[in-house]
Amino acid sequence: MKDIWNGSVVFFGTKNLKKTHEFYSGILGLKLYLDQKGCLIYDVNGGGMIGFCEHLERIQVYKSPIITLVTEKVDEIYDLIVSKNFNPITSPEKNEKYNIYHFFMKDPNGYTLEIQKFL
């Protein structure tokens, strides 16, 4: 059974596909894999996909769910986000417990987005 999976997509609800696309494609540079007219699916280089659908409810409790994108360029992404007038929740910092370097922000849908690299 180890060779039967071709990938994964995690779906989240959205009320505004245009703003979601502007952020995930236009600012973060994720490639649009598929436009399903009501759902947009983005390819995340390195593995997996993330999708946003208008027919799904947005569910948020405290910081959950957390969408984490992994990159070696945490500081560059932070600077880009700030330059586009987004206000990150935290500045980039080392997390000793998990041995990562990361920051948190809210995406246009209100989801917690973590940008991190493994140390």
N, C-alpha and C. Protein backbone atom coordinates (compact mmCIF):
# COMPACT_ATOMS: atom_id res chain seq x y z
N MET A 1 0.82 -1.21 0.00
CA MET A 1 0.00 0.00 0.00
C MET A 1 0.85 1.27 0.00
N LYS A 2 2.18 1.13 0.10
CA LYS A 2 2.98 2.34 0.23
C LYS A 2 3.03 3.19 -1.04
N ASP A 3 2.79 2.63 -2.20
CA ASP A 3 2.89 3.41 -3.44
C ASP A 3 1.54 3.76 -4.06
N ILE A 4 0.49 3.81 -3.27
CA ILE A 4 -0.82 4.10 -3.86
C ILE A 4 -1.21 5.57 -3.78
N TRP A 5 -0.54 6.36 -2.95
CA TRP A 5 -0.91 7.77 -2.79
C TRP A 5 -0.12 8.66 -3.74
N ASN A 6 -0.80 9.62 -4.35
CA ASN A 6 -0.17 10.54 -5.29
C ASN A 6 0.04 11.94 -4.72
N GLY A 7 -0.50 12.21 -3.55
CA GLY A 7 -0.38 13.53 -2.96
C GLY A 7 -1.49 13.77 -1.97
N SER A 8 -1.60 15.03 -1.53
CA SER A 8 -2.66 15.39 -0.59
C SER A 8 -3.10 16.82 -0.82
N VAL A 9 -4.36 17.08 -0.51
CA VAL A 9 -4.92 18.43 -0.55
C VAL A 9 -5.64 18.64 0.77
N VAL A 10 -5.37 19.74 1.43
CA VAL A 10 -6.11 20.13 2.62
C VAL A 10 -6.99 21.31 2.22
N PHE A 11 -8.30 21.21 2.50
CA PHE A 11 -9.25 22.24 2.09
C PHE A 11 -9.70 23.08 3.27
N PHE A 12 -9.88 24.38 3.00
CA PHE A 12 -10.37 25.34 3.98
C PHE A 12 -11.50 26.14 3.34
N GLY A 13 -12.39 26.63 4.15
CA GLY A 13 -13.48 27.48 3.66
C GLY A 13 -13.01 28.91 3.43
N THR A 14 -13.69 29.57 2.51
CA THR A 14 -13.43 30.99 2.26
C THR A 14 -14.71 31.65 1.81
N LYS A 15 -14.83 32.93 2.09
CA LYS A 15 -15.96 33.71 1.59
C LYS A 15 -15.53 34.60 0.42
N ASN A 16 -14.21 34.63 0.14
CA ASN A 16 -13.72 35.52 -0.90
C ASN A 16 -12.54 34.87 -1.63
N LEU A 17 -12.84 34.18 -2.72
CA LEU A 17 -11.78 33.52 -3.50
C LEU A 17 -10.82 34.52 -4.12
N LYS A 18 -11.33 35.70 -4.50
CA LYS A 18 -10.46 36.69 -5.14
C LYS A 18 -9.37 37.15 -4.17
N LYS A 19 -9.75 37.53 -2.94
CA LYS A 19 -8.75 37.96 -1.95
C LYS A 19 -7.82 36.82 -1.58
N THR A 20 -8.37 35.62 -1.47
CA THR A 20 -7.56 34.45 -1.17
C THR A 20 -6.52 34.23 -2.26
N HIS A 21 -6.94 34.33 -3.52
CA HIS A 21 -6.02 34.15 -4.65
C HIS A 21 -4.96 35.25 -4.68
N GLU A 22 -5.38 36.49 -4.46
CA GLU A 22 -4.43 37.59 -4.46
C GLU A 22 -3.34 37.36 -3.41
N PHE A 23 -3.72 36.81 -2.26
CA PHE A 23 -2.75 36.58 -1.19
C PHE A 23 -1.88 35.37 -1.47
N TYR A 24 -2.48 34.20 -1.68
CA TYR A 24 -1.70 32.97 -1.81
C TYR A 24 -0.92 32.89 -3.12
N SER A 25 -1.48 33.41 -4.20
CA SER A 25 -0.77 33.39 -5.48
C SER A 25 0.01 34.68 -5.70
N GLY A 26 -0.67 35.80 -5.56
CA GLY A 26 -0.05 37.09 -5.86
C GLY A 26 1.04 37.51 -4.90
N ILE A 27 0.85 37.27 -3.60
CA ILE A 27 1.85 37.70 -2.62
C ILE A 27 2.80 36.56 -2.27
N LEU A 28 2.26 35.40 -1.88
CA LEU A 28 3.13 34.29 -1.47
C LEU A 28 3.71 33.51 -2.64
N GLY A 29 3.14 33.65 -3.83
CA GLY A 29 3.71 33.01 -5.02
C GLY A 29 3.38 31.55 -5.20
N LEU A 30 2.32 31.05 -4.53
CA LEU A 30 1.94 29.65 -4.75
C LEU A 30 1.31 29.52 -6.13
N LYS A 31 1.63 28.44 -6.82
CA LYS A 31 1.11 28.20 -8.16
C LYS A 31 -0.30 27.62 -8.07
N LEU A 32 -1.22 28.23 -8.83
CA LEU A 32 -2.58 27.70 -8.90
C LEU A 32 -2.54 26.39 -9.67
N TYR A 33 -2.91 25.31 -9.00
CA TYR A 33 -2.91 23.98 -9.60
C TYR A 33 -4.20 23.75 -10.37
N LEU A 34 -5.33 24.16 -9.77
CA LEU A 34 -6.63 23.89 -10.39
C LEU A 34 -7.66 24.89 -9.91
N ASP A 35 -8.40 25.47 -10.84
CA ASP A 35 -9.53 26.33 -10.54
C ASP A 35 -10.79 25.53 -10.82
N GLN A 36 -11.50 25.17 -9.76
CA GLN A 36 -12.71 24.36 -9.90
C GLN A 36 -13.98 25.20 -9.88
N LYS A 37 -13.87 26.49 -10.11
CA LYS A 37 -15.02 27.39 -10.10
C LYS A 37 -15.77 27.27 -8.78
N GLY A 38 -15.20 27.84 -7.76
CA GLY A 38 -15.75 27.76 -6.41
C GLY A 38 -14.73 27.19 -5.45
N CYS A 39 -13.72 26.53 -5.98
CA CYS A 39 -12.59 26.03 -5.19
C CYS A 39 -11.30 26.32 -5.97
N LEU A 40 -10.32 26.82 -5.27
CA LEU A 40 -9.00 27.02 -5.86
C LEU A 40 -8.01 26.12 -5.12
N ILE A 41 -7.20 25.39 -5.88
CA ILE A 41 -6.22 24.49 -5.29
C ILE A 41 -4.83 24.96 -5.72
N TYR A 42 -3.96 25.12 -4.72
CA TYR A 42 -2.60 25.60 -4.95
C TYR A 42 -1.59 24.50 -4.69
N ASP A 43 -0.59 24.43 -5.55
CA ASP A 43 0.50 23.49 -5.39
C ASP A 43 1.52 24.10 -4.45
N VAL A 44 1.93 23.33 -3.45
CA VAL A 44 2.97 23.78 -2.54
C VAL A 44 4.24 23.04 -2.92
N ASN A 45 5.20 23.77 -3.46
CA ASN A 45 6.46 23.17 -3.89
C ASN A 45 7.07 22.40 -2.73
N GLY A 46 7.44 21.17 -2.96
CA GLY A 46 8.00 20.34 -1.91
C GLY A 46 7.02 19.29 -1.43
N GLY A 47 5.76 19.43 -1.79
CA GLY A 47 4.79 18.41 -1.43
C GLY A 47 3.48 18.96 -0.93
N GLY A 48 2.42 18.34 -1.36
CA GLY A 48 1.09 18.69 -0.89
C GLY A 48 0.46 19.85 -1.63
N MET A 49 -0.83 20.01 -1.39
CA MET A 49 -1.58 21.10 -1.98
C MET A 49 -2.52 21.66 -0.92
N ILE A 50 -2.93 22.90 -1.13
CA ILE A 50 -3.87 23.55 -0.23
C ILE A 50 -5.00 24.11 -1.08
N GLY A 51 -6.22 23.92 -0.62
CA GLY A 51 -7.38 24.38 -1.37
C GLY A 51 -8.28 25.25 -0.53
N PHE A 52 -8.98 26.16 -1.20
CA PHE A 52 -9.95 27.03 -0.55
C PHE A 52 -11.25 26.96 -1.33
N CYS A 53 -12.37 26.73 -0.64
CA CYS A 53 -13.65 26.57 -1.30
C CYS A 53 -14.70 27.48 -0.69
N GLU A 54 -15.52 28.07 -1.56
CA GLU A 54 -16.59 28.94 -1.10
C GLU A 54 -17.72 28.19 -0.41
N HIS A 55 -17.91 26.91 -0.74
CA HIS A 55 -19.03 26.17 -0.14
C HIS A 55 -18.70 25.60 1.24
N LEU A 56 -17.44 25.72 1.66
CA LEU A 56 -17.06 25.22 2.98
C LEU A 56 -17.13 26.35 4.01
N GLU A 57 -17.56 26.00 5.20
CA GLU A 57 -17.62 26.96 6.29
C GLU A 57 -16.21 27.26 6.80
N ARG A 58 -15.99 28.50 7.17
CA ARG A 58 -14.72 28.86 7.81
C ARG A 58 -14.86 28.53 9.29
N ILE A 59 -13.99 27.67 9.77
CA ILE A 59 -14.04 27.27 11.18
C ILE A 59 -12.72 27.67 11.81
N GLN A 60 -12.82 28.50 12.85
CA GLN A 60 -11.63 28.97 13.53
C GLN A 60 -11.89 29.00 15.03
N VAL A 61 -10.98 28.42 15.77
CA VAL A 61 -11.04 28.45 17.22
C VAL A 61 -9.65 28.81 17.72
N TYR A 62 -9.54 29.92 18.44
CA TYR A 62 -8.26 30.42 18.93
C TYR A 62 -7.29 30.51 17.76
N LYS A 63 -6.23 29.72 17.75
CA LYS A 63 -5.28 29.75 16.63
C LYS A 63 -5.51 28.60 15.66
N SER A 64 -6.48 27.78 15.88
CA SER A 64 -6.68 26.58 15.08
C SER A 64 -7.68 26.84 13.96
N PRO A 65 -7.49 26.33 12.77
CA PRO A 65 -6.34 25.55 12.34
C PRO A 65 -5.15 26.45 12.03
N ILE A 66 -3.99 25.86 11.97
CA ILE A 66 -2.78 26.58 11.56
C ILE A 66 -2.33 26.03 10.22
N ILE A 67 -2.20 26.93 9.25
CA ILE A 67 -1.65 26.58 7.95
C ILE A 67 -0.16 26.92 8.03
N THR A 68 0.70 25.92 7.86
CA THR A 68 2.14 26.14 7.95
C THR A 68 2.78 25.94 6.58
N LEU A 69 3.49 26.94 6.14
CA LEU A 69 4.27 26.85 4.90
C LEU A 69 5.74 26.86 5.29
N VAL A 70 6.51 25.93 4.75
CA VAL A 70 7.91 25.75 5.11
C VAL A 70 8.80 26.36 4.03
N THR A 71 9.76 27.16 4.47
CA THR A 71 10.68 27.84 3.56
C THR A 71 11.99 28.13 4.27
N GLU A 72 13.05 28.25 3.52
CA GLU A 72 14.32 28.71 4.08
C GLU A 72 14.35 30.23 4.17
N LYS A 73 13.37 30.91 3.58
CA LYS A 73 13.38 32.37 3.47
C LYS A 73 12.36 33.03 4.40
N VAL A 74 12.36 32.64 5.65
CA VAL A 74 11.40 33.18 6.62
C VAL A 74 11.49 34.70 6.72
N ASP A 75 12.70 35.23 6.86
CA ASP A 75 12.85 36.68 7.00
C ASP A 75 12.40 37.43 5.75
N GLU A 76 12.70 36.88 4.57
CA GLU A 76 12.28 37.53 3.33
C GLU A 76 10.76 37.54 3.20
N ILE A 77 10.11 36.44 3.57
CA ILE A 77 8.65 36.39 3.52
C ILE A 77 8.06 37.37 4.53
N TYR A 78 8.63 37.43 5.71
CA TYR A 78 8.18 38.39 6.72
C TYR A 78 8.24 39.82 6.16
N ASP A 79 9.38 40.19 5.58
CA ASP A 79 9.53 41.53 5.01
C ASP A 79 8.51 41.78 3.90
N LEU A 80 8.27 40.78 3.06
CA LEU A 80 7.29 40.91 1.99
C LEU A 80 5.90 41.15 2.57
N ILE A 81 5.51 40.37 3.57
CA ILE A 81 4.20 40.49 4.19
C ILE A 81 4.01 41.90 4.77
N VAL A 82 5.02 42.38 5.48
CA VAL A 82 4.95 43.71 6.07
C VAL A 82 4.86 44.78 4.98
N SER A 83 5.61 44.60 3.89
CA SER A 83 5.58 45.58 2.79
C SER A 83 4.23 45.63 2.09
N LYS A 84 3.44 44.57 2.21
CA LYS A 84 2.11 44.51 1.60
C LYS A 84 1.02 44.91 2.59
N ASN A 85 1.42 45.55 3.69
CA ASN A 85 0.51 46.09 4.70
C ASN A 85 -0.25 45.04 5.50
N PHE A 86 0.33 43.86 5.65
CA PHE A 86 -0.21 42.88 6.58
C PHE A 86 0.54 43.05 7.90
N ASN A 87 -0.15 42.78 8.99
CA ASN A 87 0.44 42.92 10.31
C ASN A 87 0.63 41.55 10.94
N PRO A 88 1.83 40.97 10.82
CA PRO A 88 2.06 39.66 11.44
C PRO A 88 1.79 39.70 12.95
N ILE A 89 1.39 38.56 13.49
CA ILE A 89 1.12 38.44 14.92
C ILE A 89 2.43 38.45 15.69
N THR A 90 3.46 37.82 15.13
CA THR A 90 4.77 37.77 15.78
C THR A 90 5.84 38.12 14.75
N SER A 91 7.00 38.47 15.25
CA SER A 91 8.18 38.64 14.40
C SER A 91 8.87 37.28 14.29
N PRO A 92 9.71 37.09 13.28
CA PRO A 92 10.44 35.83 13.18
C PRO A 92 11.27 35.58 14.44
N GLU A 93 11.19 34.36 14.92
CA GLU A 93 11.92 34.00 16.13
C GLU A 93 12.23 32.51 16.14
N LYS A 94 13.27 32.16 16.90
CA LYS A 94 13.63 30.76 17.06
C LYS A 94 12.76 30.16 18.16
N ASN A 95 12.23 28.98 17.89
CA ASN A 95 11.47 28.22 18.87
C ASN A 95 12.34 27.05 19.30
N GLU A 96 12.89 27.13 20.49
CA GLU A 96 13.81 26.11 20.99
C GLU A 96 13.13 24.76 21.15
N LYS A 97 11.87 24.76 21.59
CA LYS A 97 11.16 23.52 21.86
C LYS A 97 11.04 22.65 20.60
N TYR A 98 10.70 23.29 19.47
CA TYR A 98 10.50 22.54 18.22
C TYR A 98 11.67 22.66 17.26
N ASN A 99 12.70 23.44 17.63
CA ASN A 99 13.88 23.65 16.80
C ASN A 99 13.51 24.17 15.41
N ILE A 100 12.73 25.25 15.43
CA ILE A 100 12.30 25.91 14.19
C ILE A 100 12.52 27.41 14.31
N TYR A 101 12.49 28.09 13.17
CA TYR A 101 12.50 29.55 13.09
C TYR A 101 11.23 29.92 12.37
N HIS A 102 10.39 30.81 12.94
CA HIS A 102 9.06 31.01 12.38
C HIS A 102 8.44 32.33 12.80
N PHE A 103 7.31 32.66 12.15
CA PHE A 103 6.43 33.73 12.61
C PHE A 103 5.00 33.36 12.25
N PHE A 104 4.06 34.04 12.91
CA PHE A 104 2.64 33.82 12.69
C PHE A 104 1.98 35.10 12.17
N MET A 105 0.93 34.91 11.38
CA MET A 105 0.10 36.01 10.88
C MET A 105 -1.30 35.46 10.62
N LYS A 106 -2.22 36.32 10.26
CA LYS A 106 -3.56 35.91 9.83
C LYS A 106 -3.64 36.11 8.32
N ASP A 107 -4.22 35.11 7.62
CA ASP A 107 -4.43 35.26 6.18
C ASP A 107 -5.73 36.04 5.96
N PRO A 108 -6.09 36.35 4.71
CA PRO A 108 -7.31 37.13 4.46
C PRO A 108 -8.60 36.45 4.94
N ASN A 109 -8.56 35.15 5.19
CA ASN A 109 -9.74 34.43 5.68
C ASN A 109 -9.80 34.39 7.20
N GLY A 110 -8.76 34.88 7.87
CA GLY A 110 -8.70 34.85 9.32
C GLY A 110 -8.00 33.62 9.88
N TYR A 111 -7.50 32.75 8.99
CA TYR A 111 -6.77 31.57 9.46
C TYR A 111 -5.38 31.97 9.94
N THR A 112 -4.88 31.26 10.94
CA THR A 112 -3.52 31.47 11.40
C THR A 112 -2.57 30.84 10.38
N LEU A 113 -1.64 31.64 9.90
CA LEU A 113 -0.64 31.18 8.93
C LEU A 113 0.72 31.26 9.61
N GLU A 114 1.44 30.14 9.59
CA GLU A 114 2.78 30.09 10.14
C GLU A 114 3.76 29.91 8.99
N ILE A 115 4.77 30.75 8.97
CA ILE A 115 5.85 30.62 8.00
C ILE A 115 7.05 30.14 8.81
N GLN A 116 7.64 28.99 8.44
CA GLN A 116 8.70 28.43 9.27
C GLN A 116 9.76 27.71 8.45
N LYS A 117 10.90 27.53 9.12
CA LYS A 117 11.93 26.65 8.60
C LYS A 117 12.40 25.77 9.74
N PHE A 118 12.78 24.54 9.38
CA PHE A 118 13.34 23.61 10.35
C PHE A 118 14.81 23.92 10.53
N LEU A 119 15.29 23.92 11.76
CA LEU A 119 16.69 24.21 12.03
C LEU A 119 17.48 22.93 12.20
